[in-house]
Amino acid sequence: MKYSFILCFLLITGFLSGQNNPKNISEELLESIKTDIWIPFMESYAYLDSEKIKSIHSDDIIRITLDQNTIETGKDYLENFGGFIENIKQQGGGLSIAFAIVSTAVNEGGDIAYQTGYYRFSSKQKDGNELTVKGYGEFNVTIKKEEGSWKLTLDSDKRIKITDDEFNDQQIIYQLK
């Protein structure tokens, strides 16, 4: 009985201590995700490039828009997203998006990542001189290596009310200059 108690204690202690030691994510892995996902995402908005936005998504993408209670998938979603960007381009408008990464988790194999964070969305009308911040959102994405490149496989978001300072206080921020 005494040995069973000690064994249970050691197992529980070992389990709980593992919960307090987050896995270190290498700078190299974070940089590869930034290069494959976040920079092209921002560029696709800045240059209104619908093909670039499609290229960073898996063909099996699952897109969840929590504010609208909708789920879109695959090529239908990609065509709709690309159409949105093309529509802004045809109207002579402009877009910008920036990302603040709050957390990253990676599987043991290093080929699946889950990231959470915030985005800042800006736009301008045809005759507008500069982009104006239209709002912020909170996102959750799952990213998977496919044929050597990271691809978005799940993208979920909702609009939130945060300040520019709260966005800028995050440790990792990606924005085009």
Protein backbone atom coordinates (compact mmCIF):
# COMPACT_ATOMS: atom_id res chain seq x y z
CA MET A 1 0.00 0.00 0.00
CA LYS A 2 2.77 2.39 0.97
CA TYR A 3 4.59 1.71 -2.33
CA SER A 4 1.40 2.32 -4.32
CA PHE A 5 0.97 5.68 -2.61
CA ILE A 6 4.58 6.67 -3.32
CA LEU A 7 4.29 5.55 -6.96
CA CYS A 8 1.04 7.53 -7.42
CA PHE A 9 2.64 10.56 -5.75
CA LEU A 10 5.66 10.40 -8.04
CA LEU A 11 3.51 9.98 -11.15
CA ILE A 12 1.24 12.89 -10.24
CA THR A 13 4.18 15.09 -9.25
CA GLY A 14 5.95 14.25 -12.51
CA PHE A 15 2.81 14.99 -14.51
CA LEU A 16 2.18 18.30 -12.76
CA SER A 17 5.80 19.40 -13.02
CA GLY A 18 5.64 18.79 -16.76
CA GLN A 19 2.68 21.15 -16.90
CA ASN A 20 4.82 23.96 -15.49
CA ASN A 21 7.61 23.66 -18.02
CA PRO A 22 6.44 24.88 -21.41
CA LYS A 23 8.17 23.48 -24.45
CA ASN A 24 10.73 25.82 -25.98
CA ILE A 25 9.91 26.74 -29.57
CA SER A 26 13.01 27.39 -31.64
CA GLU A 27 13.57 30.75 -33.28
CA GLU A 28 14.24 28.88 -36.53
CA LEU A 29 10.80 27.26 -36.46
CA LEU A 30 9.07 30.57 -35.63
CA GLU A 31 10.97 32.28 -38.43
CA SER A 32 9.96 29.59 -40.94
CA ILE A 33 6.28 30.03 -39.99
CA LYS A 34 6.66 33.80 -40.29
CA THR A 35 8.28 33.42 -43.72
CA ASP A 36 5.79 30.86 -45.06
CA ILE A 37 2.57 32.20 -43.52
CA TRP A 38 2.57 35.64 -41.93
CA ILE A 39 4.69 37.65 -44.39
CA PRO A 40 2.84 36.33 -47.48
CA PHE A 41 -0.48 36.89 -45.67
CA MET A 42 0.40 40.55 -45.03
CA GLU A 43 1.78 40.96 -48.57
CA SER A 44 -1.38 39.53 -50.12
CA TYR A 45 -3.37 42.26 -48.39
CA ALA A 46 -0.87 45.04 -49.13
CA TYR A 47 -0.56 44.13 -52.83
CA LEU A 48 -4.13 42.84 -53.19
CA ASP A 49 -2.78 39.52 -54.45
CA SER A 50 -5.53 36.89 -54.36
CA GLU A 51 -3.26 34.12 -55.64
CA LYS A 52 -0.73 34.70 -52.84
CA ILE A 53 -3.44 34.46 -50.17
CA LYS A 54 -4.64 31.17 -51.64
CA SER A 55 -1.08 29.80 -51.79
CA ILE A 56 -0.54 29.90 -48.01
CA HIS A 57 -3.63 27.78 -47.31
CA SER A 58 -3.99 24.02 -47.48
CA ASP A 59 -6.51 22.82 -50.05
CA ASP A 60 -8.31 21.27 -47.06
CA ILE A 61 -8.52 24.54 -45.08
CA ILE A 62 -11.22 24.85 -42.44
CA ARG A 63 -12.24 28.48 -41.86
CA ILE A 64 -14.36 29.36 -38.82
CA THR A 65 -15.81 32.86 -38.48
CA LEU A 66 -17.10 32.89 -34.92
CA ASP A 67 -18.90 36.25 -35.23
CA GLN A 68 -21.02 34.83 -38.04
CA ASN A 69 -21.31 31.25 -36.70
CA THR A 70 -20.02 29.93 -40.03
CA ILE A 71 -17.59 27.29 -41.19
CA GLU A 72 -16.24 27.28 -44.75
CA THR A 73 -13.89 24.72 -46.21
CA GLY A 74 -11.52 23.99 -49.04
CA LYS A 75 -11.57 25.53 -52.47
CA ASP A 76 -14.95 27.24 -51.94
CA TYR A 77 -13.51 29.23 -49.05
CA LEU A 78 -10.31 30.02 -50.96
CA GLU A 79 -12.29 31.27 -53.96
CA ASN A 80 -14.44 33.46 -51.69
CA PHE A 81 -11.38 34.87 -49.91
CA GLY A 82 -9.60 35.48 -53.21
CA GLY A 83 -12.77 37.11 -54.56
CA PHE A 84 -12.87 39.48 -51.58
CA ILE A 85 -9.33 40.65 -52.31
CA GLU A 86 -10.02 40.96 -56.06
CA ASN A 87 -13.15 43.01 -55.30
CA ILE A 88 -11.14 45.49 -53.19
CA LYS A 89 -8.57 45.69 -55.97
CA GLN A 90 -11.19 46.37 -58.67
CA GLN A 91 -12.76 49.09 -56.52
CA GLY A 92 -9.39 50.81 -56.14
CA GLY A 93 -9.27 50.34 -52.37
CA GLY A 94 -6.51 49.14 -50.13
CA LEU A 95 -5.99 46.65 -47.29
CA SER A 96 -3.50 46.02 -44.55
CA ILE A 97 -3.26 43.43 -41.81
CA ALA A 98 -0.76 43.00 -38.96
CA PHE A 99 -0.42 40.12 -36.52
CA ALA A 100 0.55 39.86 -32.85
CA ILE A 101 1.43 36.29 -31.89
CA VAL A 102 0.43 35.44 -28.31
CA SER A 103 1.25 31.73 -28.13
CA THR A 104 2.70 28.90 -30.18
CA ALA A 105 2.51 25.17 -29.60
CA VAL A 106 4.26 22.55 -31.74
CA ASN A 107 3.94 18.78 -31.95
CA GLU A 108 6.91 16.49 -31.29
CA GLY A 109 7.59 16.06 -35.00
CA GLY A 110 7.79 19.82 -35.53
CA ASP A 111 5.44 19.68 -38.52
CA ILE A 112 2.21 20.91 -36.90
CA ALA A 113 1.89 24.22 -35.06
CA TYR A 114 -0.96 25.98 -33.33
CA GLN A 115 -0.79 29.74 -32.86
CA THR A 116 -3.04 32.25 -31.15
CA GLY A 117 -2.96 35.99 -31.32
CA TYR A 118 -4.50 39.22 -32.50
CA TYR A 119 -4.76 40.91 -35.86
CA ARG A 120 -5.21 44.56 -36.77
CA PHE A 121 -7.24 45.18 -39.93
CA SER A 122 -6.94 48.42 -41.91
CA SER A 123 -8.47 49.56 -45.17
CA LYS A 124 -9.01 52.56 -47.39
CA GLN A 125 -11.56 53.53 -49.99
CA LYS A 126 -10.76 54.30 -53.61
CA ASP A 127 -10.10 57.99 -53.01
CA GLY A 128 -8.59 57.57 -49.55
CA ASN A 129 -5.07 58.77 -48.96
CA GLU A 130 -4.10 56.38 -46.19
CA LEU A 131 -5.14 53.17 -44.57
CA THR A 132 -7.30 53.50 -41.46
CA VAL A 133 -7.52 50.92 -38.69
CA LYS A 134 -11.00 49.38 -38.86
CA GLY A 135 -10.67 46.98 -35.95
CA TYR A 136 -9.01 44.11 -34.20
CA GLY A 137 -9.61 40.41 -34.00
CA GLU A 138 -8.45 37.40 -32.09
CA PHE A 139 -7.33 34.35 -34.06
CA ASN A 140 -6.46 30.68 -33.60
CA VAL A 141 -4.72 28.83 -36.41
CA THR A 142 -3.37 25.37 -37.02
CA ILE A 143 -0.49 25.24 -39.45
CA LYS A 144 0.97 22.10 -40.99
CA LYS A 145 4.05 21.40 -43.11
CA GLU A 146 2.99 20.28 -46.57
CA GLU A 147 5.69 19.47 -49.10
CA GLY A 148 8.27 21.50 -47.17
CA SER A 149 6.18 24.66 -46.59
CA TRP A 150 3.87 25.68 -43.80
CA LYS A 151 0.19 25.86 -44.80
CA LEU A 152 -2.83 27.10 -42.86
CA THR A 153 -5.13 24.13 -42.21
CA LEU A 154 -7.49 25.75 -39.70
CA ASP A 155 -8.18 29.46 -39.32
CA SER A 156 -10.63 30.72 -36.72
CA ASP A 157 -11.24 34.28 -35.63
CA LYS A 158 -13.61 36.78 -34.09
CA ARG A 159 -13.65 40.54 -33.73
CA ILE A 160 -12.61 41.91 -30.34
CA LYS A 161 -12.21 45.28 -28.72
CA ILE A 162 -8.61 45.95 -27.76
CA THR A 163 -6.57 49.10 -27.99
CA ASP A 164 -3.62 49.74 -30.23
CA ASP A 165 -1.46 49.72 -27.08
CA GLU A 166 -2.76 46.28 -26.07
CA PHE A 167 -1.95 45.01 -29.58
CA ASN A 168 1.51 46.59 -29.54
CA ASP A 169 2.31 45.23 -26.06
CA GLN A 170 2.61 41.69 -27.42
CA GLN A 171 6.08 40.20 -27.61
CA ILE A 172 5.88 39.07 -31.27
CA ILE A 173 4.39 41.49 -33.79
CA TYR A 174 4.50 41.06 -37.56
CA GLN A 175 3.72 44.03 -39.77
CA LEU A 176 4.95 45.29 -43.08
CA LYS A 177 6.88 48.54 -42.96
